[in-house]
Amino acid sequence: SKSKSLELTADHVEKKFAVKVEFWEKNSGGDINDPTLLVN
C-alpha cells in the first residue's frame, strides 16, 4: 500500500486457519484515522 502498512500473515496447519493482521499507523496513507489493527 501507499503507506507501506506493516502486515503479518500466519497459518495454523493443524487447526486449518489463517490470520492476517494489518497495522495502520495514525493518519496513515493520507487519511485521518486512529492507530488500528485490522485482523482477519
Full PDB file with SEQRES, HELIX, SHEET, SSBOND, CRYST1, ORIGX, SCALE, CONECT and MASTER records, all heavy atoms in Angstrom:
SEQRES   1 A   40  SER LYS SER LYS SER LEU GLU LEU THR ALA ASP HIS VAL          
SEQRES   2 A   40  GLU LYS LYS PHE ALA VAL LYS VAL GLU PHE TRP GLU LYS          
SEQRES   3 A   40  ASN SER GLY GLY ASP ILE ASN ASP PRO THR LEU LEU VAL          
SEQRES   4 A   40  ASN                                                          
HELIX    1 AA1 SER A   28  GLY A   30  5                                   3    
SHEET    1 AA1 3 LEU A   6  HIS A  12  0                                        
SHEET    2 AA1 3 PHE A  17  TRP A  24 -1                                        
SHEET    3 AA1 3 THR A  36  VAL A  39 -1                                        
CRYST1    1.000    1.000    1.000  90.00  90.00  90.00 P 1           1          
ORIGX1      1.000000  0.000000  0.000000        0.00000                         
ORIGX2      0.000000  1.000000  0.000000        0.00000                         
ORIGX3      0.000000  0.000000  1.000000        0.00000                         
SCALE1      1.000000  0.000000  0.000000        0.00000                         
SCALE2      0.000000  1.000000  0.000000        0.00000                         
SCALE3      0.000000  0.000000  1.000000        0.00000                         
ATOM      1  N   SER A   1       0.830  -1.198   0.000  1.00  0.00           N  
ATOM      2  CA  SER A   1       0.000   0.000   0.000  1.00  0.00           C  
ATOM      3  C   SER A   1       0.873   1.260   0.000  1.00  0.00           C  
ATOM      4  O   SER A   1       2.071   1.203   0.280  1.00  0.00           O  
ATOM      5  CB  SER A   1      -0.926   0.017   1.225  1.00  0.00           C  
ATOM      6  OG  SER A   1      -0.179   0.261   2.399  1.00  0.00           O  
ATOM      7  N   LYS A   2       0.235   2.391  -0.298  1.00  0.00           N  
ATOM      8  CA  LYS A   2       0.947   3.670  -0.325  1.00  0.00           C  
ATOM      9  C   LYS A   2       1.625   3.957   1.014  1.00  0.00           C  
ATOM     10  O   LYS A   2       2.733   4.484   1.062  1.00  0.00           O  
ATOM     11  CB  LYS A   2      -0.069   4.772  -0.657  1.00  0.00           C  
ATOM     12  CG  LYS A   2       0.500   6.134  -0.846  1.00  0.00           C  
ATOM     13  CD  LYS A   2      -0.576   7.059  -1.387  1.00  0.00           C  
ATOM     14  CE  LYS A   2      -0.731   8.247  -0.465  1.00  0.00           C  
ATOM     15  NZ  LYS A   2      -1.797   9.145  -0.874  1.00  0.00           N  
ATOM     16  N   SER A   3       0.963   3.565   2.096  1.00  0.00           N  
ATOM     17  CA  SER A   3       1.512   3.842   3.428  1.00  0.00           C  
ATOM     18  C   SER A   3       2.464   2.753   3.924  1.00  0.00           C  
ATOM     19  O   SER A   3       3.032   2.877   5.005  1.00  0.00           O  
ATOM     20  CB  SER A   3       0.374   4.017   4.429  1.00  0.00           C  
ATOM     21  OG  SER A   3      -0.406   2.847   4.491  1.00  0.00           O  
ATOM     22  N   LYS A   4       2.636   1.688   3.126  1.00  0.00           N  
ATOM     23  CA  LYS A   4       3.542   0.585   3.496  1.00  0.00           C  
ATOM     24  C   LYS A   4       3.224   0.039   4.889  1.00  0.00           C  
ATOM     25  O   LYS A   4       4.097  -0.150   5.737  1.00  0.00           O  
ATOM     26  CB  LYS A   4       5.014   1.032   3.436  1.00  0.00           C  
ATOM     27  CG  LYS A   4       5.450   1.561   2.093  1.00  0.00           C  
ATOM     28  CD  LYS A   4       5.627   0.444   1.108  1.00  0.00           C  
ATOM     29  CE  LYS A   4       6.214   0.943  -0.192  1.00  0.00           C  
ATOM     30  NZ  LYS A   4       5.587   0.318  -1.335  1.00  0.00           N  
ATOM     31  N   SER A   5       1.935  -0.217   5.132  1.00  0.00           N  
ATOM     32  CA  SER A   5       1.486  -0.714   6.435  1.00  0.00           C  
ATOM     33  C   SER A   5       2.147  -2.046   6.764  1.00  0.00           C  
ATOM     34  O   SER A   5       2.305  -2.900   5.899  1.00  0.00           O  
ATOM     35  CB  SER A   5      -0.028  -0.900   6.431  1.00  0.00           C  
ATOM     36  OG  SER A   5      -0.676   0.322   6.217  1.00  0.00           O  
ATOM     37  N   LEU A   6       2.501  -2.203   8.037  1.00  0.00           N  
ATOM     38  CA  LEU A   6       3.077  -3.459   8.496  1.00  0.00           C  
ATOM     39  C   LEU A   6       1.998  -4.530   8.484  1.00  0.00           C  
ATOM     40  O   LEU A   6       0.880  -4.301   8.939  1.00  0.00           O  
ATOM     41  CB  LEU A   6       3.639  -3.290   9.913  1.00  0.00           C  
ATOM     42  CG  LEU A   6       4.285  -4.540  10.531  1.00  0.00           C  
ATOM     43  CD1 LEU A   6       5.480  -5.018   9.703  1.00  0.00           C  
ATOM     44  CD2 LEU A   6       4.711  -4.238  11.966  1.00  0.00           C  
ATOM     45  N   GLU A   7       2.340  -5.691   7.960  1.00  0.00           N  
ATOM     46  CA  GLU A   7       1.373  -6.769   7.804  1.00  0.00           C  
ATOM     47  C   GLU A   7       1.974  -8.082   8.280  1.00  0.00           C  
ATOM     48  O   GLU A   7       3.155  -8.349   8.052  1.00  0.00           O  
ATOM     49  CB  GLU A   7       1.023  -6.864   6.312  1.00  0.00           C  
ATOM     50  CG  GLU A   7      -0.274  -7.497   5.995  1.00  0.00           C  
ATOM     51  CD  GLU A   7      -0.625  -7.298   4.524  1.00  0.00           C  
ATOM     52  OE1 GLU A   7      -0.154  -8.076   3.681  1.00  0.00           O  
ATOM     53  OE2 GLU A   7      -1.354  -6.345   4.228  1.00  0.00           O  
ATOM     54  N   LEU A   8       1.151  -8.892   8.933  1.00  0.00           N  
ATOM     55  CA  LEU A   8       1.556 -10.215   9.384  1.00  0.00           C  
ATOM     56  C   LEU A   8       0.535 -11.216   8.867  1.00  0.00           C  
ATOM     57  O   LEU A   8      -0.670 -11.004   8.993  1.00  0.00           O  
ATOM     58  CB  LEU A   8       1.593 -10.258  10.912  1.00  0.00           C  
ATOM     59  CG  LEU A   8       1.916 -11.615  11.551  1.00  0.00           C  
ATOM     60  CD1 LEU A   8       2.704 -11.403  12.831  1.00  0.00           C  
ATOM     61  CD2 LEU A   8       0.658 -12.403  11.864  1.00  0.00           C  
ATOM     62  N   THR A   9       1.022 -12.297   8.272  1.00  0.00           N  
ATOM     63  CA  THR A   9       0.160 -13.392   7.832  1.00  0.00           C  
ATOM     64  C   THR A   9       0.700 -14.668   8.460  1.00  0.00           C  
ATOM     65  O   THR A   9       1.907 -14.917   8.429  1.00  0.00           O  
ATOM     66  CB  THR A   9       0.154 -13.534   6.293  1.00  0.00           C  
ATOM     67  OG1 THR A   9      -0.236 -12.282   5.720  1.00  0.00           O  
ATOM     68  CG2 THR A   9      -0.809 -14.614   5.839  1.00  0.00           C  
ATOM     69  N   ALA A  10      -0.213 -15.455   9.053  1.00  0.00           N  
ATOM     70  CA  ALA A  10       0.205 -16.698   9.706  1.00  0.00           C  
ATOM     71  C   ALA A  10      -0.822 -17.792   9.408  1.00  0.00           C  
ATOM     72  O   ALA A  10      -2.004 -17.522   9.241  1.00  0.00           O  
ATOM     73  CB  ALA A  10       0.336 -16.492  11.208  1.00  0.00           C  
ATOM     74  N   ASP A  11      -0.322 -19.020   9.362  1.00  0.00           N  
ATOM     75  CA  ASP A  11      -1.161 -20.202   9.125  1.00  0.00           C  
ATOM     76  C   ASP A  11      -1.056 -21.146  10.307  1.00  0.00           C  
ATOM     77  O   ASP A  11       0.019 -21.303  10.888  1.00  0.00           O  
ATOM     78  CB  ASP A  11      -0.700 -20.968   7.875  1.00  0.00           C  
ATOM     79  CG  ASP A  11      -0.905 -20.187   6.591  1.00  0.00           C  
ATOM     80  OD1 ASP A  11      -1.847 -19.371   6.533  1.00  0.00           O  
ATOM     81  OD2 ASP A  11      -0.115 -20.377   5.650  1.00  0.00           O  
ATOM     82  N   HIS A  12      -2.178 -21.775  10.623  1.00  0.00           N  
ATOM     83  CA  HIS A  12      -2.179 -22.826  11.648  1.00  0.00           C  
ATOM     84  C   HIS A  12      -2.593 -24.106  10.914  1.00  0.00           C  
ATOM     85  O   HIS A  12      -3.774 -24.353  10.687  1.00  0.00           O  
ATOM     86  CB  HIS A  12      -3.156 -22.500  12.770  1.00  0.00           C  
ATOM     87  CG  HIS A  12      -2.886 -23.290  14.011  1.00  0.00           C  
ATOM     88  ND1 HIS A  12      -2.912 -24.671  14.049  1.00  0.00           N  
ATOM     89  CD2 HIS A  12      -2.556 -22.888  15.264  1.00  0.00           C  
ATOM     90  CE1 HIS A  12      -2.628 -25.069  15.272  1.00  0.00           C  
ATOM     91  NE2 HIS A  12      -2.407 -24.021  16.036  1.00  0.00           N  
ATOM     92  N   VAL A  13      -1.600 -24.909  10.519  1.00  0.00           N  
ATOM     93  CA  VAL A  13      -1.840 -26.097   9.705  1.00  0.00           C  
ATOM     94  C   VAL A  13      -2.742 -27.100  10.426  1.00  0.00           C  
ATOM     95  O   VAL A  13      -3.673 -27.636   9.837  1.00  0.00           O  
ATOM     96  CB  VAL A  13      -0.497 -26.746   9.282  1.00  0.00           C  
ATOM     97  CG1 VAL A  13      -0.729 -28.045   8.538  1.00  0.00           C  
ATOM     98  CG2 VAL A  13       0.310 -25.783   8.425  1.00  0.00           C  
ATOM     99  N   GLU A  14      -2.488 -27.314  11.696  1.00  0.00           N  
ATOM    100  CA  GLU A  14      -3.260 -28.309  12.449  1.00  0.00           C  
ATOM    101  C   GLU A  14      -4.732 -27.890  12.583  1.00  0.00           C  
ATOM    102  O   GLU A  14      -5.627 -28.689  12.368  1.00  0.00           O  
ATOM    103  CB  GLU A  14      -2.647 -28.488  13.838  1.00  0.00           C  
ATOM    104  CG  GLU A  14      -3.324 -29.564  14.662  1.00  0.00           C  
ATOM    105  CD  GLU A  14      -2.739 -29.637  16.068  1.00  0.00           C  
ATOM    106  OE1 GLU A  14      -1.514 -29.502  16.216  1.00  0.00           O  
ATOM    107  OE2 GLU A  14      -3.529 -29.829  17.004  1.00  0.00           O  
ATOM    108  N   LYS A  15      -4.965 -26.632  12.919  1.00  0.00           N  
ATOM    109  CA  LYS A  15      -6.344 -26.155  13.096  1.00  0.00           C  
ATOM    110  C   LYS A  15      -7.000 -25.743  11.774  1.00  0.00           C  
ATOM    111  O   LYS A  15      -8.196 -25.504  11.727  1.00  0.00           O  
ATOM    112  CB  LYS A  15      -6.377 -24.989  14.076  1.00  0.00           C  
ATOM    113  CG  LYS A  15      -6.046 -25.421  15.482  1.00  0.00           C  
ATOM    114  CD  LYS A  15      -6.264 -24.305  16.467  1.00  0.00           C  
ATOM    115  CE  LYS A  15      -5.956 -24.811  17.860  1.00  0.00           C  
ATOM    116  NZ  LYS A  15      -6.459 -23.950  18.900  1.00  0.00           N  
ATOM    117  N   LYS A  16      -6.194 -25.611  10.722  1.00  0.00           N  
ATOM    118  CA  LYS A  16      -6.679 -25.247   9.397  1.00  0.00           C  
ATOM    119  C   LYS A  16      -7.314 -23.851   9.377  1.00  0.00           C  
ATOM    120  O   LYS A  16      -8.410 -23.641   8.888  1.00  0.00           O  
ATOM    121  CB  LYS A  16      -7.640 -26.303   8.848  1.00  0.00           C  
ATOM    122  CG  LYS A  16      -6.953 -27.659   8.703  1.00  0.00           C  
ATOM    123  CD  LYS A  16      -7.887 -28.741   8.242  1.00  0.00           C  
ATOM    124  CE  LYS A  16      -7.243 -30.068   8.014  1.00  0.00           C  
ATOM    125  NZ  LYS A  16      -6.201 -30.504   8.869  1.00  0.00           N  
ATOM    126  N   PHE A  17      -6.548 -22.889   9.926  1.00  0.00           N  
ATOM    127  CA  PHE A  17      -6.948 -21.491   9.933  1.00  0.00           C  
ATOM    128  C   PHE A  17      -5.782 -20.630   9.463  1.00  0.00           C  
ATOM    129  O   PHE A  17      -4.628 -21.045   9.532  1.00  0.00           O  
ATOM    130  CB  PHE A  17      -7.333 -21.036  11.349  1.00  0.00           C  
ATOM    131  CG  PHE A  17      -8.762 -21.294  11.706  1.00  0.00           C  
ATOM    132  CD1 PHE A  17      -9.159 -22.537  12.169  1.00  0.00           C  
ATOM    133  CD2 PHE A  17      -9.722 -20.298  11.577  1.00  0.00           C  
ATOM    134  CE1 PHE A  17     -10.478 -22.787  12.500  1.00  0.00           C  
ATOM    135  CE2 PHE A  17     -11.045 -20.538  11.907  1.00  0.00           C  
ATOM    136  CZ  PHE A  17     -11.431 -21.778  12.372  1.00  0.00           C  
ATOM    137  N   ALA A  18      -6.120 -19.439   9.006  1.00  0.00           N  
ATOM    138  CA  ALA A  18      -5.113 -18.434   8.670  1.00  0.00           C  
ATOM    139  C   ALA A  18      -5.540 -17.124   9.315  1.00  0.00           C  
ATOM    140  O   ALA A  18      -6.723 -16.905   9.582  1.00  0.00           O  
ATOM    141  CB  ALA A  18      -5.015 -18.262   7.154  1.00  0.00           C  
ATOM    142  N   VAL A  19      -4.571 -16.263   9.571  1.00  0.00           N  
ATOM    143  CA  VAL A  19      -4.867 -14.930  10.097  1.00  0.00           C  
ATOM    144  C   VAL A  19      -3.987 -13.921   9.367  1.00  0.00           C  
ATOM    145  O   VAL A  19      -2.832 -14.206   9.042  1.00  0.00           O  
ATOM    146  CB  VAL A  19      -4.656 -14.831  11.627  1.00  0.00           C  
ATOM    147  CG1 VAL A  19      -3.195 -15.044  12.009  1.00  0.00           C  
ATOM    148  CG2 VAL A  19      -5.172 -13.493  12.167  1.00  0.00           C  
ATOM    149  N   LYS A  20      -4.582 -12.767   9.097  1.00  0.00           N  
ATOM    150  CA  LYS A  20      -3.838 -11.656   8.516  1.00  0.00           C  
ATOM    151  C   LYS A  20      -4.111 -10.447   9.403  1.00  0.00           C  
ATOM    152  O   LYS A  20      -5.261 -10.149   9.723  1.00  0.00           O  
ATOM    153  CB  LYS A  20      -4.312 -11.383   7.089  1.00  0.00           C  
ATOM    154  CG  LYS A  20      -3.559 -10.289   6.389  1.00  0.00           C  
ATOM    155  CD  LYS A  20      -4.050 -10.188   4.959  1.00  0.00           C  
ATOM    156  CE  LYS A  20      -3.290  -9.146   4.181  1.00  0.00           C  
ATOM    157  NZ  LYS A  20      -3.748  -9.101   2.800  1.00  0.00           N  
ATOM    158  N   VAL A  21      -3.032  -9.782   9.831  1.00  0.00           N  
ATOM    159  CA  VAL A  21      -3.144  -8.606  10.683  1.00  0.00           C  
ATOM    160  C   VAL A  21      -2.404  -7.466  10.000  1.00  0.00           C  
ATOM    161  O   VAL A  21      -1.257  -7.607   9.600  1.00  0.00           O  
ATOM    162  CB  VAL A  21      -2.538  -8.847  12.085  1.00  0.00           C  
ATOM    163  CG1 VAL A  21      -2.734  -7.619  12.969  1.00  0.00           C  
ATOM    164  CG2 VAL A  21      -3.139 -10.085  12.729  1.00  0.00           C  
ATOM    165  N   GLU A  22      -3.092  -6.334   9.877  1.00  0.00           N  
ATOM    166  CA  GLU A  22      -2.512  -5.159   9.248  1.00  0.00           C  
ATOM    167  C   GLU A  22      -2.505  -4.022  10.267  1.00  0.00           C  
ATOM    168  O   GLU A  22      -3.510  -3.780  10.934  1.00  0.00           O  
ATOM    169  CB  GLU A  22      -3.363  -4.767   8.036  1.00  0.00           C  
ATOM    170  CG  GLU A  22      -2.672  -3.882   7.056  1.00  0.00           C  
ATOM    171  CD  GLU A  22      -3.499  -3.674   5.791  1.00  0.00           C  
ATOM    172  OE1 GLU A  22      -4.171  -4.628   5.343  1.00  0.00           O  
ATOM    173  OE2 GLU A  22      -3.478  -2.550   5.274  1.00  0.00           O  
ATOM    174  N   PHE A  23      -1.378  -3.348  10.396  1.00  0.00           N  
ATOM    175  CA  PHE A  23      -1.236  -2.236  11.336  1.00  0.00           C  
ATOM    176  C   PHE A  23      -1.298  -0.924  10.578  1.00  0.00           C  
ATOM    177  O   PHE A  23      -0.434  -0.639   9.760  1.00  0.00           O  
ATOM    178  CB  PHE A  23       0.097  -2.379  12.090  1.00  0.00           C  
ATOM    179  CG  PHE A  23       0.479  -1.184  12.908  1.00  0.00           C  
ATOM    180  CD1 PHE A  23      -0.461  -0.429  13.590  1.00  0.00           C  
ATOM    181  CD2 PHE A  23       1.809  -0.825  13.022  1.00  0.00           C  
ATOM    182  CE1 PHE A  23      -0.084   0.673  14.352  1.00  0.00           C  
ATOM    183  CE2 PHE A  23       2.200   0.266  13.781  1.00  0.00           C  
ATOM    184  CZ  PHE A  23       1.246   1.016  14.446  1.00  0.00           C  
ATOM    185  N   TRP A  24      -2.351  -0.157  10.839  1.00  0.00           N  
ATOM    186  CA  TRP A  24      -2.489   1.171  10.242  1.00  0.00           C  
ATOM    187  C   TRP A  24      -2.048   2.198  11.274  1.00  0.00           C  
ATOM    188  O   TRP A  24      -2.713   2.397  12.290  1.00  0.00           O  
ATOM    189  CB  TRP A  24      -3.930   1.455   9.842  1.00  0.00           C  
ATOM    190  CG  TRP A  24      -4.412   0.719   8.631  1.00  0.00           C  
ATOM    191  CD1 TRP A  24      -3.755  -0.253   7.937  1.00  0.00           C  
ATOM    192  CD2 TRP A  24      -5.673   0.883   7.993  1.00  0.00           C  
ATOM    193  NE1 TRP A  24      -4.525  -0.702   6.897  1.00  0.00           N  
ATOM    194  CE2 TRP A  24      -5.711  -0.016   6.912  1.00  0.00           C  
ATOM    195  CE3 TRP A  24      -6.774   1.695   8.234  1.00  0.00           C  
ATOM    196  CZ2 TRP A  24      -6.803  -0.127   6.066  1.00  0.00           C  
ATOM    197  CZ3 TRP A  24      -7.862   1.590   7.395  1.00  0.00           C  
ATOM    198  CH2 TRP A  24      -7.874   0.697   6.318  1.00  0.00           C  
ATOM    199  N   GLU A  25      -0.934   2.854  11.005  1.00  0.00           N  
ATOM    200  CA  GLU A  25      -0.474   3.901  11.909  1.00  0.00           C  
ATOM    201  C   GLU A  25      -1.432   5.088  11.839  1.00  0.00           C  
ATOM    202  O   GLU A  25      -2.180   5.238  10.877  1.00  0.00           O  
ATOM    203  CB  GLU A  25       0.939   4.342  11.518  1.00  0.00           C  
ATOM    204  CG  GLU A  25       1.979   3.254  11.744  1.00  0.00           C  
ATOM    205  CD  GLU A  25       3.367   3.716  11.391  1.00  0.00           C  
ATOM    206  OE1 GLU A  25       3.836   4.702  12.003  1.00  0.00           O  
ATOM    207  OE2 GLU A  25       3.979   3.101  10.504  1.00  0.00           O  
ATOM    208  N   LYS A  26      -1.385   5.925  12.864  1.00  0.00           N  
ATOM    209  CA  LYS A  26      -2.255   7.106  12.921  1.00  0.00           C  
ATOM    210  C   LYS A  26      -2.084   7.944  11.650  1.00  0.00           C  
ATOM    211  O   LYS A  26      -0.965   8.207  11.220  1.00  0.00           O  
ATOM    212  CB  LYS A  26      -1.928   7.945  14.158  1.00  0.00           C  
ATOM    213  CG  LYS A  26      -2.839   9.142  14.352  1.00  0.00           C  
ATOM    214  CD  LYS A  26      -2.566   9.815  15.676  1.00  0.00           C  
ATOM    215  CE  LYS A  26      -3.441  11.028  15.876  1.00  0.00           C  
ATOM    216  NZ  LYS A  26      -4.857  10.738  16.026  1.00  0.00           N  
ATOM    217  N   ASN A  27      -3.206   8.306  11.062  1.00  0.00           N  
ATOM    218  CA  ASN A  27      -3.237   9.147   9.860  1.00  0.00           C  
ATOM    219  C   ASN A  27      -2.360   8.610   8.729  1.00  0.00           C  
ATOM    220  O   ASN A  27      -1.702   9.351   8.022  1.00  0.00           O  
ATOM    221  CB  ASN A  27      -2.845  10.593  10.198  1.00  0.00           C  
ATOM    222  CG  ASN A  27      -3.753  11.188  11.250  1.00  0.00           C  
ATOM    223  OD1 ASN A  27      -4.919  10.821  11.359  1.00  0.00           O  
ATOM    224  ND2 ASN A  27      -3.231  12.102  12.040  1.00  0.00           N  
ATOM    225  N   SER A  28      -2.358   7.283   8.572  1.00  0.00           N  
ATOM    226  CA  SER A  28      -1.521   6.663   7.533  1.00  0.00           C  
ATOM    227  C   SER A  28      -2.171   6.785   6.156  1.00  0.00           C  
ATOM    228  O   SER A  28      -3.386   6.857   6.026  1.00  0.00           O  
ATOM    229  CB  SER A  28      -1.275   5.198   7.868  1.00  0.00           C  
ATOM    230  OG  SER A  28      -2.496   4.503   7.972  1.00  0.00           O  
ATOM    231  N   GLY A  29      -1.366   6.806   5.160  1.00  0.00           N  
ATOM    232  CA  GLY A  29      -1.849   6.804   3.775  1.00  0.00           C  
ATOM    233  C   GLY A  29      -2.597   8.059   3.375  1.00  0.00           C  
ATOM    234  O   GLY A  29      -3.377   8.051   2.423  1.00  0.00           O  
ATOM    235  N   GLY A  30      -2.407   9.162   4.102  1.00  0.00           N  
ATOM    236  CA  GLY A  30      -3.079  10.403   3.747  1.00  0.00           C  
ATOM    237  C   GLY A  30      -4.482  10.509   4.321  1.00  0.00           C  
ATOM    238  O   GLY A  30      -5.164  11.509   4.127  1.00  0.00           O  
ATOM    239  N   ASP A  31      -4.948   9.487   5.015  1.00  0.00           N  
ATOM    240  CA  ASP A  31      -6.273   9.507   5.633  1.00  0.00           C  
ATOM    241  C   ASP A  31      -6.141   9.875   7.103  1.00  0.00           C  
ATOM    242  O   ASP A  31      -5.097   9.696   7.715  1.00  0.00           O  
ATOM    243  CB  ASP A  31      -6.934   8.122   5.547  1.00  0.00           C  
ATOM    244  CG  ASP A  31      -7.238   7.731   4.111  1.00  0.00           C  
ATOM    245  OD1 ASP A  31      -7.532   8.628   3.299  1.00  0.00           O  
ATOM    246  OD2 ASP A  31      -7.170   6.529   3.807  1.00  0.00           O  
ATOM    247  N   ILE A  32      -7.237  10.372   7.653  1.00  0.00           N  
ATOM    248  CA  ILE A  32      -7.271  10.642   9.092  1.00  0.00           C  
ATOM    249  C   ILE A  32      -7.856   9.398   9.758  1.00  0.00           C  
ATOM    250  O   ILE A  32      -8.994   9.013   9.488  1.00  0.00           O  
ATOM    251  CB  ILE A  32      -8.126  11.882   9.403  1.00  0.00           C  
ATOM    252  CG1 ILE A  32      -7.480  13.126   8.772  1.00  0.00           C  
ATOM    253  CG2 ILE A  32      -8.287  12.058  10.899  1.00  0.00           C  
ATOM    254  CD1 ILE A  32      -8.316  14.378   8.896  1.00  0.00           C  
ATOM    255  N   ASN A  33      -7.054   8.736  10.546  1.00  0.00           N  
ATOM    256  CA  ASN A  33      -7.511   7.534  11.247  1.00  0.00           C  
ATOM    257  C   ASN A  33      -6.749   7.380  12.552  1.00  0.00           C  
ATOM    258  O   ASN A  33      -5.642   7.880  12.695  1.00  0.00           O  
ATOM    259  CB  ASN A  33      -7.332   6.274  10.377  1.00  0.00           C  
ATOM    260  CG  ASN A  33      -5.888   5.976  10.044  1.00  0.00           C  
ATOM    261  OD1 ASN A  33      -5.313   6.584   9.148  1.00  0.00           O  
ATOM    262  ND2 ASN A  33      -5.276   5.039  10.766  1.00  0.00           N  
ATOM    263  N   ASP A  34      -7.393   6.710  13.490  1.00  0.00           N  
ATOM    264  CA  ASP A  34      -6.705   6.349  14.725  1.00  0.00           C  
ATOM    265  C   ASP A  34      -5.792   5.173  14.425  1.00  0.00           C  
ATOM    266  O   ASP A  34      -6.023   4.429  13.458  1.00  0.00           O  
ATOM    267  CB  ASP A  34      -7.728   5.914  15.783  1.00  0.00           C  
ATOM    268  CG  ASP A  34      -8.537   7.083  16.320  1.00  0.00           C  
ATOM    269  OD1 ASP A  34      -8.004   8.208  16.376  1.00  0.00           O  
ATOM    270  OD2 ASP A  34      -9.708   6.866  16.676  1.00  0.00           O  
ATOM    271  N   PRO A  35      -4.763   4.955  15.243  1.00  0.00           N  
ATOM    272  CA  PRO A  35      -3.952   3.743  15.073  1.00  0.00           C  
ATOM    273  C   PRO A  35      -4.889   2.531  15.157  1.00  0.00           C  
ATOM    274  O   PRO A  35      -5.730   2.459  16.055  1.00  0.00           O  
ATOM    275  CB  PRO A  35      -2.987   3.780  16.249  1.00  0.00           C  
ATOM    276  CG  PRO A  35      -2.956   5.206  16.694  1.00  0.00           C  
ATOM    277  CD  PRO A  35      -4.315   5.761  16.387  1.00  0.00           C  
ATOM    278  N   THR A  36      -4.743   1.610  14.210  1.00  0.00           N  
ATOM    279  CA  THR A  36      -5.681   0.490  14.110  1.00  0.00           C  
ATOM    280  C   THR A  36      -4.968  -0.799  13.728  1.00  0.00           C  
ATOM    281  O   THR A  36      -4.073  -0.785  12.887  1.00  0.00           O  
ATOM    282  CB  THR A  36      -6.760   0.791  13.028  1.00  0.00           C  
ATOM    283  OG1 THR A  36      -7.401   2.023  13.334  1.00  0.00           O  
ATOM    284  CG2 THR A  36      -7.788  -0.318  12.938  1.00  0.00           C  
ATOM    285  N   LEU A  37      -5.398  -1.884  14.353  1.00  0.00           N  
ATOM    286  CA  LEU A  37      -5.001  -3.216  13.899  1.00  0.00           C  
ATOM    287  C   LEU A  37      -6.222  -3.826  13.236  1.00  0.00           C  
ATOM    288  O   LEU A  37      -7.287  -3.923  13.849  1.00  0.00           O  
ATOM    289  CB  LEU A  37      -4.560  -4.098  15.070  1.00  0.00           C  
ATOM    290  CG  LEU A  37      -3.250  -3.725  15.752  1.00  0.00           C  
ATOM    291  CD1 LEU A  37      -2.985  -4.654  16.929  1.00  0.00           C  
ATOM    292  CD2 LEU A  37      -2.092  -3.779  14.769  1.00  0.00           C  
ATOM    293  N   LEU A  38      -6.087  -4.210  11.975  1.00  0.00           N  
ATOM    294  CA  LEU A  38      -7.151  -4.896  11.239  1.00  0.00           C  
ATOM    295  C   LEU A  38      -6.816  -6.375  11.237  1.00  0.00           C  
ATOM    296  O   LEU A  38      -5.739  -6.770  10.787  1.00  0.00           O  
ATOM    297  CB  LEU A  38      -7.235  -4.395   9.802  1.00  0.00           C  
ATOM    298  CG  LEU A  38      -7.551  -2.921   9.608  1.00  0.00           C  
ATOM    299  CD1 LEU A  38      -7.412  -2.537   8.147  1.00  0.00           C  
ATOM    300  CD2 LEU A  38      -8.949  -2.628  10.100  1.00  0.00           C  
ATOM    301  N   VAL A  39      -7.726  -7.188  11.734  1.00  0.00           N  
ATOM    302  CA  VAL A  39      -7.491  -8.619  11.869  1.00  0.00           C  
ATOM    303  C   VAL A  39      -8.517  -9.363  11.032  1.00  0.00           C  
ATOM    304  O   VAL A  39      -9.702  -9.032  11.057  1.00  0.00           O  
ATOM    305  CB  VAL A  39      -7.607  -9.056  13.348  1.00  0.00           C  
ATOM    306  CG1 VAL A  39      -7.341 -10.549  13.500  1.00  0.00           C  
ATOM    307  CG2 VAL A  39      -6.659  -8.239  14.224  1.00  0.00           C  
ATOM    308  N   ASN A  40      -8.062 -10.376  10.295  1.00  0.00           N  
ATOM    309  CA  ASN A  40      -8.986 -11.215   9.542  1.00  0.00           C  
ATOM    310  C   ASN A  40      -8.608 -12.678   9.769  1.00  0.00           C  
ATOM    311  O   ASN A  40      -7.556 -13.128   9.313  1.00  0.00           O  
ATOM    312  CB  ASN A  40      -8.962 -10.873   8.050  1.00  0.00           C  
ATOM    313  CG  ASN A  40     -10.129 -11.484   7.306  1.00  0.00           C  
ATOM    314  OD1 ASN A  40     -11.113 -11.926   7.900  1.00  0.00           O  
ATOM    315  ND2 ASN A  40     -10.030 -11.512   5.990  1.00  0.00           N  
TER     316      ASN A  40                                                      
MASTER        0    0    0    1    3    0    0    6  315    1    0    4          
END                                                                             
